[in-house]
Amino acid sequence: MTNETDNRKYTPENIQTLGEDEVFVFGSNLEGAHMGGAARTAFLKFGAKMGVGVGFEGQSYAIPTMQGGVETIRPYVEEFINLAREWDQTTFYVTRIGCGIAGFSDEEIAPLFDEAYDLYNVRLPKSFADIIVARRKERTSL
C-alpha cells in the first residue's frame, strides 16, 4: 500500500537557490532581525530585509514565530495560505518555521499548515506533511 505522500514534493532541507516564481517561506520575528537560522538564509540569499518581519520581500516570505505561543502564529499562517491560493503560479517552499530558534516542535506547528497541504503550489517540510497526514487519518478513524 502506498502512502498518500509518496508522490508529493517537499521543501528541500537546505535551499541555496531558487528559480523564478519560487519563494522561500521562513520563520521570523516581528522586528525583522534576521540573524539566525532560515531567517538569516532569507536575508543573505533571498531578499529578506532587516526590519521587515512579516510578508514578502524579494523571493522570501516572513511568518513571525517569536511573539508568543502557537496561536499567535496562526493568523500569519492563514494570511500566507490565502496569498498562496491567489499566487497560484508561484511555488512556495515552507521551511520548518518556528521549529528552530523559536523552540516549537513540528507537532505544534505542522497543523497550522493543514490547508496548505492541499495546495499544489506549496511545498511543506516532509515532517510537517507526515504529521498532517497522520492527524487526518486519526480524524477519519474516529
N, C-alpha and C. Protein backbone atom coordinates (compact mmCIF):
# COMPACT_ATOMS: atom_id res chain seq x y z
N MET A 1 0.85 -1.19 0.00
CA MET A 1 0.00 0.00 0.00
C MET A 1 0.89 1.24 0.00
N THR A 2 0.55 2.21 -0.81
CA THR A 2 1.38 3.42 -0.86
C THR A 2 0.83 4.47 0.08
N ASN A 3 1.73 5.24 0.59
CA ASN A 3 1.39 6.35 1.48
C ASN A 3 0.90 7.52 0.63
N GLU A 4 -0.06 8.26 1.14
CA GLU A 4 -0.65 9.41 0.44
C GLU A 4 0.41 10.44 0.05
N THR A 5 1.54 10.47 0.76
CA THR A 5 2.55 11.49 0.49
C THR A 5 3.67 10.99 -0.43
N ASP A 6 3.60 9.75 -0.93
CA ASP A 6 4.70 9.19 -1.71
C ASP A 6 5.08 10.03 -2.93
N ASN A 7 4.13 10.59 -3.66
CA ASN A 7 4.43 11.35 -4.87
C ASN A 7 4.48 12.85 -4.63
N ARG A 8 4.39 13.24 -3.43
CA ARG A 8 4.36 14.65 -3.05
C ARG A 8 5.77 15.23 -3.06
N LYS A 9 5.86 16.49 -3.44
CA LYS A 9 7.14 17.20 -3.39
C LYS A 9 7.22 17.97 -2.07
N TYR A 10 8.39 17.95 -1.47
CA TYR A 10 8.60 18.60 -0.17
C TYR A 10 9.61 19.73 -0.29
N THR A 11 9.64 20.55 0.73
CA THR A 11 10.67 21.57 0.82
C THR A 11 12.01 20.87 1.04
N PRO A 12 13.02 21.16 0.22
CA PRO A 12 14.35 20.58 0.45
C PRO A 12 14.91 21.02 1.81
N GLU A 13 15.77 20.22 2.37
CA GLU A 13 16.37 20.51 3.68
C GLU A 13 17.19 21.81 3.68
N ASN A 14 17.95 22.03 2.64
CA ASN A 14 18.89 23.15 2.65
C ASN A 14 18.80 23.90 1.32
N ILE A 15 17.91 24.85 1.22
CA ILE A 15 17.70 25.59 -0.02
C ILE A 15 18.79 26.65 -0.17
N GLN A 16 19.49 26.61 -1.28
CA GLN A 16 20.54 27.59 -1.56
C GLN A 16 20.23 28.46 -2.76
N THR A 17 19.35 27.99 -3.65
CA THR A 17 18.97 28.75 -4.83
C THR A 17 17.47 28.57 -5.06
N LEU A 18 16.91 29.53 -5.77
CA LEU A 18 15.51 29.46 -6.16
C LEU A 18 15.39 29.82 -7.63
N GLY A 19 14.40 29.26 -8.27
CA GLY A 19 14.11 29.65 -9.63
C GLY A 19 13.19 30.87 -9.63
N GLU A 20 12.95 31.40 -10.80
CA GLU A 20 11.99 32.49 -10.95
C GLU A 20 10.64 31.97 -10.46
N ASP A 21 9.82 32.73 -9.87
CA ASP A 21 8.49 32.30 -9.38
C ASP A 21 8.57 31.27 -8.26
N GLU A 22 9.66 31.27 -7.51
CA GLU A 22 9.77 30.43 -6.32
C GLU A 22 10.07 31.34 -5.13
N VAL A 23 9.48 30.98 -3.97
CA VAL A 23 9.59 31.82 -2.78
C VAL A 23 9.97 30.96 -1.57
N PHE A 24 10.90 31.48 -0.79
CA PHE A 24 11.41 30.86 0.44
C PHE A 24 10.56 31.39 1.60
N VAL A 25 9.83 30.52 2.28
CA VAL A 25 8.96 30.91 3.39
C VAL A 25 9.65 30.53 4.70
N PHE A 26 9.87 31.52 5.55
CA PHE A 26 10.68 31.29 6.75
C PHE A 26 10.04 31.91 7.99
N GLY A 27 10.47 31.42 9.14
CA GLY A 27 10.03 31.98 10.41
C GLY A 27 10.88 33.17 10.77
N SER A 28 10.22 34.22 11.24
CA SER A 28 10.93 35.46 11.58
C SER A 28 10.49 35.95 12.96
N ASN A 29 10.98 37.12 13.31
CA ASN A 29 10.45 37.82 14.47
C ASN A 29 9.82 39.10 13.96
N LEU A 30 8.93 39.67 14.74
CA LEU A 30 8.20 40.85 14.29
C LEU A 30 9.11 42.03 13.96
N GLU A 31 10.27 42.08 14.61
CA GLU A 31 11.22 43.17 14.38
C GLU A 31 11.98 43.01 13.07
N GLY A 32 11.94 41.82 12.50
CA GLY A 32 12.66 41.58 11.25
C GLY A 32 14.16 41.55 11.44
N ALA A 33 14.60 41.08 12.61
CA ALA A 33 16.04 40.92 12.87
C ALA A 33 16.42 39.51 12.42
N HIS A 34 16.82 39.37 11.19
CA HIS A 34 17.07 38.06 10.57
C HIS A 34 18.51 37.61 10.83
N MET A 35 18.79 37.27 12.06
CA MET A 35 20.17 37.00 12.47
C MET A 35 20.56 35.52 12.46
N GLY A 36 19.60 34.61 12.44
CA GLY A 36 19.98 33.20 12.50
C GLY A 36 19.00 32.31 11.78
N GLY A 37 19.38 31.05 11.63
CA GLY A 37 18.53 30.04 11.03
C GLY A 37 18.09 30.39 9.62
N ALA A 38 16.85 29.97 9.30
CA ALA A 38 16.31 30.21 7.96
C ALA A 38 16.14 31.70 7.69
N ALA A 39 15.91 32.49 8.74
CA ALA A 39 15.76 33.94 8.55
C ALA A 39 17.05 34.54 8.01
N ARG A 40 18.17 34.08 8.52
CA ARG A 40 19.47 34.57 8.02
C ARG A 40 19.65 34.16 6.55
N THR A 41 19.29 32.93 6.22
CA THR A 41 19.36 32.48 4.83
C THR A 41 18.49 33.35 3.94
N ALA A 42 17.28 33.66 4.41
CA ALA A 42 16.37 34.52 3.64
C ALA A 42 16.99 35.89 3.41
N PHE A 43 17.66 36.42 4.43
CA PHE A 43 18.30 37.72 4.32
C PHE A 43 19.50 37.68 3.37
N LEU A 44 20.35 36.67 3.53
CA LEU A 44 21.58 36.60 2.73
C LEU A 44 21.34 36.19 1.28
N LYS A 45 20.33 35.35 1.02
CA LYS A 45 20.18 34.76 -0.32
C LYS A 45 18.90 35.12 -1.06
N PHE A 46 17.82 35.47 -0.33
CA PHE A 46 16.53 35.56 -1.00
C PHE A 46 15.80 36.90 -0.82
N GLY A 47 16.51 37.94 -0.44
CA GLY A 47 15.94 39.29 -0.47
C GLY A 47 15.18 39.76 0.75
N ALA A 48 15.19 38.97 1.84
CA ALA A 48 14.54 39.46 3.07
C ALA A 48 15.29 40.71 3.53
N LYS A 49 14.56 41.66 4.09
CA LYS A 49 15.17 42.91 4.54
C LYS A 49 15.11 43.02 6.05
N MET A 50 16.20 43.48 6.63
CA MET A 50 16.21 43.75 8.07
C MET A 50 15.11 44.77 8.37
N GLY A 51 14.39 44.54 9.43
CA GLY A 51 13.32 45.44 9.83
C GLY A 51 11.95 45.07 9.28
N VAL A 52 11.90 44.06 8.40
CA VAL A 52 10.63 43.60 7.84
C VAL A 52 10.40 42.17 8.32
N GLY A 53 9.51 42.01 9.29
CA GLY A 53 9.30 40.70 9.91
C GLY A 53 8.07 39.96 9.45
N VAL A 54 7.29 40.56 8.54
CA VAL A 54 6.05 39.94 8.07
C VAL A 54 5.93 40.11 6.56
N GLY A 55 5.63 39.02 5.85
CA GLY A 55 5.27 39.11 4.45
C GLY A 55 6.43 39.06 3.47
N PHE A 56 6.14 39.52 2.26
CA PHE A 56 7.06 39.43 1.12
C PHE A 56 8.18 40.44 1.15
N GLU A 57 9.34 40.01 0.79
CA GLU A 57 10.50 40.84 0.42
C GLU A 57 11.33 39.99 -0.51
N GLY A 58 11.62 40.48 -1.70
CA GLY A 58 12.41 39.71 -2.66
C GLY A 58 11.74 38.39 -2.97
N GLN A 59 12.50 37.29 -2.85
CA GLN A 59 11.95 35.95 -3.05
C GLN A 59 11.76 35.25 -1.72
N SER A 60 11.38 36.03 -0.71
CA SER A 60 11.15 35.44 0.60
C SER A 60 9.83 35.92 1.18
N TYR A 61 9.29 35.13 2.10
CA TYR A 61 8.05 35.47 2.78
C TYR A 61 8.24 35.14 4.25
N ALA A 62 8.10 36.16 5.11
CA ALA A 62 8.33 36.01 6.54
C ALA A 62 7.03 35.74 7.29
N ILE A 63 7.05 34.72 8.14
CA ILE A 63 5.95 34.42 9.05
C ILE A 63 6.50 34.54 10.47
N PRO A 64 6.03 35.52 11.25
CA PRO A 64 6.56 35.70 12.61
C PRO A 64 6.22 34.51 13.52
N THR A 65 7.24 34.07 14.26
CA THR A 65 7.07 32.92 15.16
C THR A 65 7.59 33.17 16.57
N MET A 66 8.07 34.38 16.83
CA MET A 66 8.78 34.63 18.09
C MET A 66 7.99 35.53 19.05
N GLN A 67 6.68 35.68 18.87
CA GLN A 67 5.94 36.65 19.66
C GLN A 67 5.03 36.04 20.72
N GLY A 68 5.07 34.75 20.90
CA GLY A 68 4.19 34.12 21.89
C GLY A 68 4.00 32.65 21.57
N GLY A 69 2.82 32.14 21.84
CA GLY A 69 2.52 30.74 21.60
C GLY A 69 2.08 30.47 20.17
N VAL A 70 1.74 29.22 19.93
CA VAL A 70 1.36 28.77 18.60
C VAL A 70 0.16 29.57 18.08
N GLU A 71 -0.78 29.89 18.94
CA GLU A 71 -1.99 30.61 18.49
C GLU A 71 -1.66 32.00 17.96
N THR A 72 -0.53 32.58 18.38
CA THR A 72 -0.15 33.90 17.85
C THR A 72 0.43 33.78 16.44
N ILE A 73 0.83 32.58 16.06
CA ILE A 73 1.39 32.33 14.73
C ILE A 73 0.27 32.07 13.72
N ARG A 74 -0.82 31.48 14.18
CA ARG A 74 -1.92 31.04 13.30
C ARG A 74 -2.40 32.13 12.33
N PRO A 75 -2.68 33.36 12.77
CA PRO A 75 -3.18 34.36 11.80
C PRO A 75 -2.19 34.66 10.68
N TYR A 76 -0.91 34.62 10.99
CA TYR A 76 0.11 34.87 9.96
C TYR A 76 0.17 33.72 8.96
N VAL A 77 0.00 32.48 9.44
CA VAL A 77 -0.03 31.32 8.55
C VAL A 77 -1.28 31.38 7.67
N GLU A 78 -2.41 31.75 8.26
CA GLU A 78 -3.64 31.87 7.47
C GLU A 78 -3.49 32.92 6.38
N GLU A 79 -2.86 34.03 6.71
CA GLU A 79 -2.60 35.08 5.72
C GLU A 79 -1.73 34.54 4.58
N PHE A 80 -0.69 33.78 4.95
CA PHE A 80 0.18 33.17 3.95
C PHE A 80 -0.61 32.22 3.04
N ILE A 81 -1.44 31.36 3.63
CA ILE A 81 -2.21 30.38 2.85
C ILE A 81 -3.14 31.10 1.87
N ASN A 82 -3.77 32.16 2.32
CA ASN A 82 -4.64 32.94 1.42
C ASN A 82 -3.84 33.52 0.26
N LEU A 83 -2.65 34.01 0.55
CA LEU A 83 -1.79 34.55 -0.50
C LEU A 83 -1.38 33.45 -1.48
N ALA A 84 -1.00 32.28 -0.95
CA ALA A 84 -0.57 31.17 -1.81
C ALA A 84 -1.70 30.73 -2.74
N ARG A 85 -2.94 30.79 -2.26
CA ARG A 85 -4.09 30.45 -3.12
C ARG A 85 -4.18 31.44 -4.29
N GLU A 86 -3.98 32.72 -4.00
CA GLU A 86 -4.07 33.75 -5.03
C GLU A 86 -2.89 33.70 -6.00
N TRP A 87 -1.71 33.47 -5.49
CA TRP A 87 -0.48 33.46 -6.31
C TRP A 87 -0.21 32.02 -6.76
N ASP A 88 -1.14 31.43 -7.45
CA ASP A 88 -1.06 30.00 -7.76
C ASP A 88 -0.03 29.65 -8.83
N GLN A 89 0.61 30.65 -9.43
CA GLN A 89 1.68 30.37 -10.39
C GLN A 89 3.06 30.42 -9.71
N THR A 90 3.05 30.67 -8.42
CA THR A 90 4.28 30.75 -7.64
C THR A 90 4.40 29.51 -6.77
N THR A 91 5.60 28.95 -6.66
CA THR A 91 5.84 27.82 -5.77
C THR A 91 6.45 28.35 -4.47
N PHE A 92 5.84 27.98 -3.35
CA PHE A 92 6.28 28.42 -2.03
C PHE A 92 6.92 27.25 -1.30
N TYR A 93 8.16 27.46 -0.87
CA TYR A 93 8.89 26.45 -0.10
C TYR A 93 8.86 26.84 1.37
N VAL A 94 8.00 26.18 2.13
CA VAL A 94 7.85 26.47 3.56
C VAL A 94 8.94 25.72 4.32
N THR A 95 9.73 26.45 5.08
CA THR A 95 10.74 25.81 5.94
C THR A 95 10.07 25.37 7.24
N ARG A 96 10.81 24.76 8.12
CA ARG A 96 10.26 24.31 9.41
C ARG A 96 10.10 25.53 10.34
N ILE A 97 9.22 26.44 9.93
CA ILE A 97 9.07 27.69 10.67
C ILE A 97 8.74 27.41 12.13
N GLY A 98 9.37 28.16 13.01
CA GLY A 98 9.10 28.04 14.44
C GLY A 98 9.78 26.88 15.13
N CYS A 99 10.42 25.99 14.38
CA CYS A 99 10.98 24.76 14.95
C CYS A 99 12.48 24.86 15.22
N GLY A 100 13.05 26.02 15.03
CA GLY A 100 14.48 26.22 15.32
C GLY A 100 14.61 27.12 16.53
N ILE A 101 15.03 28.34 16.31
CA ILE A 101 15.27 29.31 17.37
C ILE A 101 14.02 29.58 18.20
N ALA A 102 12.84 29.59 17.58
CA ALA A 102 11.59 29.86 18.31
C ALA A 102 11.24 28.76 19.30
N GLY A 103 11.74 27.53 19.05
CA GLY A 103 11.62 26.46 20.03
C GLY A 103 10.35 25.62 20.00
N PHE A 104 9.54 25.74 18.96
CA PHE A 104 8.35 24.90 18.88
C PHE A 104 8.70 23.56 18.23
N SER A 105 7.85 22.58 18.44
CA SER A 105 8.06 21.27 17.80
C SER A 105 7.29 21.21 16.49
N ASP A 106 7.68 20.28 15.63
CA ASP A 106 6.97 20.06 14.38
C ASP A 106 5.50 19.75 14.67
N GLU A 107 5.25 18.97 15.73
CA GLU A 107 3.88 18.59 16.08
C GLU A 107 3.03 19.80 16.46
N GLU A 108 3.65 20.85 16.98
CA GLU A 108 2.90 22.06 17.33
C GLU A 108 2.61 22.93 16.11
N ILE A 109 3.57 23.01 15.18
CA ILE A 109 3.45 23.94 14.05
C ILE A 109 2.77 23.31 12.83
N ALA A 110 3.06 22.07 12.53
CA ALA A 110 2.53 21.44 11.31
C ALA A 110 1.02 21.59 11.15
N PRO A 111 0.20 21.39 12.19
CA PRO A 111 -1.25 21.50 12.00
C PRO A 111 -1.70 22.87 11.49
N LEU A 112 -0.93 23.91 11.72
CA LEU A 112 -1.28 25.23 11.21
C LEU A 112 -1.29 25.24 9.69
N PHE A 113 -0.55 24.32 9.07
CA PHE A 113 -0.42 24.27 7.61
C PHE A 113 -1.32 23.21 6.97
N ASP A 114 -2.31 22.71 7.71
CA ASP A 114 -3.19 21.67 7.18
C ASP A 114 -3.81 22.07 5.84
N GLU A 115 -4.34 23.28 5.74
CA GLU A 115 -4.95 23.73 4.48
C GLU A 115 -3.91 23.88 3.37
N ALA A 116 -2.70 24.28 3.73
CA ALA A 116 -1.64 24.45 2.73
C ALA A 116 -1.23 23.11 2.13
N TYR A 117 -1.40 22.03 2.87
CA TYR A 117 -1.04 20.70 2.40
C TYR A 117 -1.73 20.38 1.07
N ASP A 118 -2.95 20.88 0.90
CA ASP A 118 -3.73 20.57 -0.30
C ASP A 118 -3.45 21.50 -1.47
N LEU A 119 -2.63 22.52 -1.29
CA LEU A 119 -2.32 23.46 -2.36
C LEU A 119 -1.16 22.93 -3.19
N TYR A 120 -1.36 22.81 -4.49
CA TYR A 120 -0.34 22.23 -5.35
C TYR A 120 0.92 23.09 -5.45
N ASN A 121 0.84 24.36 -5.10
CA ASN A 121 1.99 25.25 -5.24
C ASN A 121 2.72 25.49 -3.93
N VAL A 122 2.35 24.78 -2.87
CA VAL A 122 3.02 24.93 -1.58
C VAL A 122 3.75 23.63 -1.26
N ARG A 123 5.04 23.75 -1.00
CA ARG A 123 5.85 22.60 -0.58
C ARG A 123 6.09 22.73 0.92
N LEU A 124 5.78 21.69 1.64
CA LEU A 124 5.99 21.67 3.08
C LEU A 124 7.18 20.77 3.41
N PRO A 125 7.78 20.98 4.58
CA PRO A 125 8.79 20.02 5.03
C PRO A 125 8.13 18.65 5.17
N LYS A 126 8.85 17.59 4.87
CA LYS A 126 8.29 16.24 4.97
C LYS A 126 7.76 15.97 6.37
N SER A 127 8.45 16.46 7.39
CA SER A 127 7.99 16.24 8.77
C SER A 127 6.61 16.84 8.99
N PHE A 128 6.34 18.03 8.43
CA PHE A 128 5.02 18.65 8.56
C PHE A 128 3.98 17.82 7.82
N ALA A 129 4.30 17.41 6.59
CA ALA A 129 3.36 16.62 5.78
C ALA A 129 3.00 15.31 6.48
N ASP A 130 3.99 14.63 7.04
CA ASP A 130 3.75 13.36 7.73
C ASP A 130 2.80 13.56 8.92
N ILE A 131 2.99 14.63 9.66
CA ILE A 131 2.13 14.92 10.82
C ILE A 131 0.71 15.23 10.37
N ILE A 132 0.57 16.02 9.31
CA ILE A 132 -0.76 16.37 8.79
C ILE A 132 -1.49 15.12 8.32
N VAL A 133 -0.82 14.24 7.59
CA VAL A 133 -1.43 13.00 7.10
C VAL A 133 -1.85 12.14 8.28
N ALA A 134 -0.99 11.98 9.28
CA ALA A 134 -1.33 11.16 10.45
C ALA A 134 -2.54 11.72 11.19
N ARG A 135 -2.60 13.03 11.35
CA ARG A 135 -3.73 13.66 12.04
C ARG A 135 -5.03 13.48 11.24
N ARG A 136 -4.94 13.57 9.93
CA ARG A 136 -6.13 13.37 9.10
C ARG A 136 -6.63 11.92 9.21
N LYS A 137 -5.70 10.98 9.21
CA LYS A 137 -6.07 9.56 9.34
C LYS A 137 -6.73 9.32 10.70
N GLU A 138 -6.20 9.94 11.75
CA GLU A 138 -6.78 9.83 13.10
C GLU A 138 -8.21 10.33 13.09
N ARG A 139 -8.44 11.49 12.47
CA ARG A 139 -9.80 12.08 12.46
C ARG A 139 -10.77 11.20 11.70
N THR A 140 -10.32 10.59 10.61
CA THR A 140 -11.25 9.77 9.82
C THR A 140 -11.50 8.42 10.46
N SER A 141 -10.64 7.98 11.38
CA SER A 141 -10.83 6.68 12.01
C SER A 141 -11.64 6.78 13.30
N LEU A 142 -11.98 7.98 13.70
CA LEU A 142 -12.78 8.15 14.93
C LEU A 142 -14.23 7.83 14.73
